Amino acid sequence: MFGPISRRDFLTRSAAATALAALATRTSFAATKPEELFQISLAQWSLHRSFNKSAKVPLDPLNFARIAHVDYGIDAVEYVNQFYAGKKNDEAYLKSLKQMADDHGVDSVLIMCDGEGNLGDPDEKKRLKAVENHVR
């Protein structure tokens, strides 16, 4: 049963497995409400001009989770590290940022990191420094 199989048998079994997987997926989606299937998050970069200090009335990055939830009805956010420059070691500020998200029932999905180094750098020292920079 586990010996070599012909190309024809392999293709037949592969097609059957693919069809079964597609049917199982379709069946599970049919039993799910549409609002449970698709959840979106708001990338802070989408509003980057408003968070920029040179904006007419700049938004406070600390309020991003509230803005996403209250203004847009979105319950997940993606932060941009540029808006928190100088704050990455400020524990009180980071707790406030998390508290803002928690207070509004918003999930913090990720942080887009710029300027922290290349994680794929061929130079080991630079790569390790980039990893260290991304950790904090």
Foldseek 3Di string as FASTA:
>chain_A
DPDDDDPVVVVVVVVVVVVVVVVVVVVVVVVDDPVVPDADEAEVVVVVLQCDPPHPHHDQLLQVLVCCCVVPVHQEYEAECVSCVPCPPVVVSVVSSVVNSVVRNHHYDYYHYPPLADCPDPPPVRNVSSVVSVVD
